[in-house]
Amino acid sequence: MTAVWTGKERTLEQRARAFDQANPHVFEKLLAIAREARDAGATKIGIKLLFERLRWVSRVETRDDLYRLNNSYTSYYARRLMAHDPSLAGLFETRSSAHDPNYLQRVVQRAARVLRAQRASGDTRSAPRPAARPQPSPRLLF
């Protein structure tokens, strides 16, 4: 397994993609395990289960200690597996993530909707307030 983080990759997604490109066998093995689970009747499984199975296979069954799978890449791989094989769609539960297409755009749109609703209702609780001027600390005279 090749560890590739050149320092140029700044986001988690960029690091996950760099790892994936350097280690395409990881995706292939995760895909095989996911299909095996699907074929066994699983309708929902956790992507971390696949990571742990892959670690187990490499460490115990093959006596190979090459796998250094970063748990931070699980959301990337779950989405990639479901996009690659439509029969796996919905097998993994995912939350909103920076790995989602148009994630930033949706975050900004959601924030704009909330702000418009607050303004329409007259709610100003979460409106930005000017920063309070720091008060000088009282001097102790003794």
Protein backbone atom coordinates (compact mmCIF):
# COMPACT_ATOMS: atom_id res chain seq x y z
CA MET A 1 0.00 0.00 0.00
CA THR A 2 1.35 3.34 -0.95
CA ALA A 3 0.94 6.25 1.41
CA VAL A 4 0.76 9.38 -0.66
CA TRP A 5 0.26 12.70 0.91
CA THR A 6 2.43 15.19 -0.80
CA GLY A 7 1.25 18.10 1.28
CA LYS A 8 -0.36 19.66 -1.77
CA GLU A 9 -3.68 18.01 -0.95
CA ARG A 10 -5.35 20.34 1.48
CA THR A 11 -8.84 18.97 1.84
CA LEU A 12 -9.90 15.58 3.10
CA GLU A 13 -11.41 14.80 -0.27
CA GLN A 14 -8.17 15.62 -2.06
CA ARG A 15 -6.24 13.34 0.31
CA ALA A 16 -8.81 10.55 -0.11
CA ARG A 17 -8.63 10.83 -3.90
CA ALA A 18 -4.83 10.80 -3.83
CA PHE A 19 -4.86 7.68 -1.63
CA ASP A 20 -7.44 6.03 -3.89
CA GLN A 21 -5.42 6.75 -7.03
CA ALA A 22 -2.26 5.37 -5.45
CA ASN A 23 -4.08 2.30 -4.08
CA PRO A 24 -6.75 1.19 -6.57
CA HIS A 25 -6.72 -2.33 -5.11
CA VAL A 26 -8.33 -0.97 -1.92
CA PHE A 27 -11.43 0.12 -3.85
CA GLU A 28 -11.59 -3.21 -5.69
CA LYS A 29 -11.43 -5.18 -2.45
CA LEU A 30 -14.02 -2.95 -0.76
CA LEU A 31 -16.27 -3.40 -3.78
CA ALA A 32 -15.93 -7.19 -3.58
CA ILE A 33 -16.77 -7.19 0.14
CA ALA A 34 -19.77 -4.88 -0.38
CA ARG A 35 -21.12 -7.10 -3.17
CA GLU A 36 -20.60 -10.16 -0.99
CA ALA A 37 -22.65 -8.54 1.79
CA ARG A 38 -25.36 -7.50 -0.68
CA ASP A 39 -25.52 -11.00 -2.14
CA ALA A 40 -25.84 -12.41 1.38
CA GLY A 41 -29.00 -10.32 1.83
CA ALA A 42 -27.67 -7.26 3.63
CA THR A 43 -29.74 -4.15 3.02
CA LYS A 44 -27.78 -1.79 5.28
CA ILE A 45 -24.18 -2.07 6.39
CA GLY A 46 -21.59 0.33 7.72
CA ILE A 47 -18.65 1.26 5.54
CA LYS A 48 -16.40 0.94 8.59
CA LEU A 49 -17.38 -2.73 8.75
CA LEU A 50 -15.84 -3.13 5.30
CA PHE A 51 -12.72 -1.28 6.39
CA GLU A 52 -12.36 -3.55 9.43
CA ARG A 53 -12.93 -6.65 7.32
CA LEU A 54 -10.25 -5.49 4.90
CA ARG A 55 -7.89 -4.88 7.81
CA TRP A 56 -8.69 -8.32 9.22
CA VAL A 57 -8.07 -10.07 5.91
CA SER A 58 -4.78 -8.28 5.37
CA ARG A 59 -3.54 -8.75 8.91
CA VAL A 60 -4.78 -12.15 10.03
CA GLU A 61 -5.66 -14.21 7.01
CA THR A 62 -2.80 -13.14 4.78
CA ARG A 63 -0.32 -12.11 7.50
CA ASP A 64 0.15 -8.92 5.53
CA ASP A 65 0.35 -5.73 7.54
CA LEU A 66 0.34 -3.33 4.63
CA TYR A 67 -3.07 -1.76 5.11
CA ARG A 68 -3.06 1.64 6.70
CA LEU A 69 -6.63 2.63 6.01
CA ASN A 70 -7.54 6.07 7.28
CA ASN A 71 -11.02 6.04 8.83
CA SER A 72 -11.45 9.60 7.57
CA TYR A 73 -11.76 8.18 4.05
CA THR A 74 -14.81 6.04 4.82
CA SER A 75 -17.38 8.57 3.58
CA TYR A 76 -15.44 8.99 0.35
CA TYR A 77 -15.36 5.24 -0.27
CA ALA A 78 -19.03 4.72 0.66
CA ARG A 79 -20.10 7.31 -1.90
CA ARG A 80 -17.68 6.02 -4.51
CA LEU A 81 -18.89 2.43 -4.10
CA MET A 82 -22.55 3.42 -4.46
CA ALA A 83 -21.81 5.61 -7.47
CA HIS A 84 -19.76 2.88 -9.13
CA ASP A 85 -22.28 0.07 -8.61
CA PRO A 86 -25.94 1.20 -8.64
CA SER A 87 -26.98 -2.10 -7.02
CA LEU A 88 -25.18 -0.88 -3.87
CA ALA A 89 -27.15 2.39 -3.76
CA GLY A 90 -28.58 2.87 -0.29
CA LEU A 91 -26.48 0.07 1.20
CA PHE A 92 -24.50 2.60 3.21
CA GLU A 93 -26.10 5.33 5.29
CA THR A 94 -24.44 8.63 4.54
CA ARG A 95 -24.76 12.05 6.05
CA SER A 96 -24.17 15.31 4.31
CA SER A 97 -20.48 15.55 3.60
CA ALA A 98 -17.91 17.55 1.73
CA HIS A 99 -17.60 14.46 -0.49
CA ASP A 100 -21.12 15.07 -1.83
CA PRO A 101 -21.47 16.75 -5.21
CA ASN A 102 -22.37 20.44 -4.82
CA TYR A 103 -21.98 20.24 -1.04
CA LEU A 104 -20.77 23.80 -0.57
CA GLN A 105 -23.49 25.16 -2.84
CA ARG A 106 -26.17 23.35 -0.79
CA VAL A 107 -24.71 24.62 2.49
CA VAL A 108 -24.80 28.22 1.25
CA GLN A 109 -28.35 27.81 -0.12
CA ARG A 110 -29.55 26.32 3.18
CA ALA A 111 -27.98 29.17 5.16
CA ALA A 112 -29.59 31.73 2.84
CA ARG A 113 -33.01 30.09 3.30
CA VAL A 114 -32.66 30.16 7.08
CA LEU A 115 -31.58 33.80 7.04
CA ARG A 116 -34.50 34.79 4.77
CA ALA A 117 -36.97 32.97 7.02
CA GLN A 118 -35.55 34.66 10.10
CA ARG A 119 -35.77 38.09 8.50
CA ALA A 120 -39.34 37.43 7.33
CA SER A 121 -40.39 36.45 10.85
CA GLY A 122 -38.59 39.38 12.45
CA ASP A 123 -36.29 37.03 14.33
CA THR A 124 -32.93 38.71 14.75
CA ARG A 125 -31.44 36.44 17.39
CA SER A 126 -28.87 34.92 15.08
CA ALA A 127 -28.17 38.08 13.11
CA PRO A 128 -24.56 39.20 13.38
CA ARG A 129 -24.02 41.61 16.23
CA PRO A 130 -21.25 44.13 16.47
CA ALA A 131 -18.38 42.92 18.58
CA ALA A 132 -18.50 44.19 22.13
CA ARG A 133 -15.75 46.58 23.03
CA PRO A 134 -13.52 44.95 25.62
CA GLN A 135 -13.77 46.64 28.98
CA PRO A 136 -10.56 47.40 30.77
CA SER A 137 -10.03 45.23 33.79
CA PRO A 138 -10.35 47.06 37.07
CA ARG A 139 -7.08 47.85 38.79
CA LEU A 140 -6.55 46.64 42.23
CA LEU A 141 -5.15 49.35 44.42
CA PHE A 142 -3.42 47.65 47.33
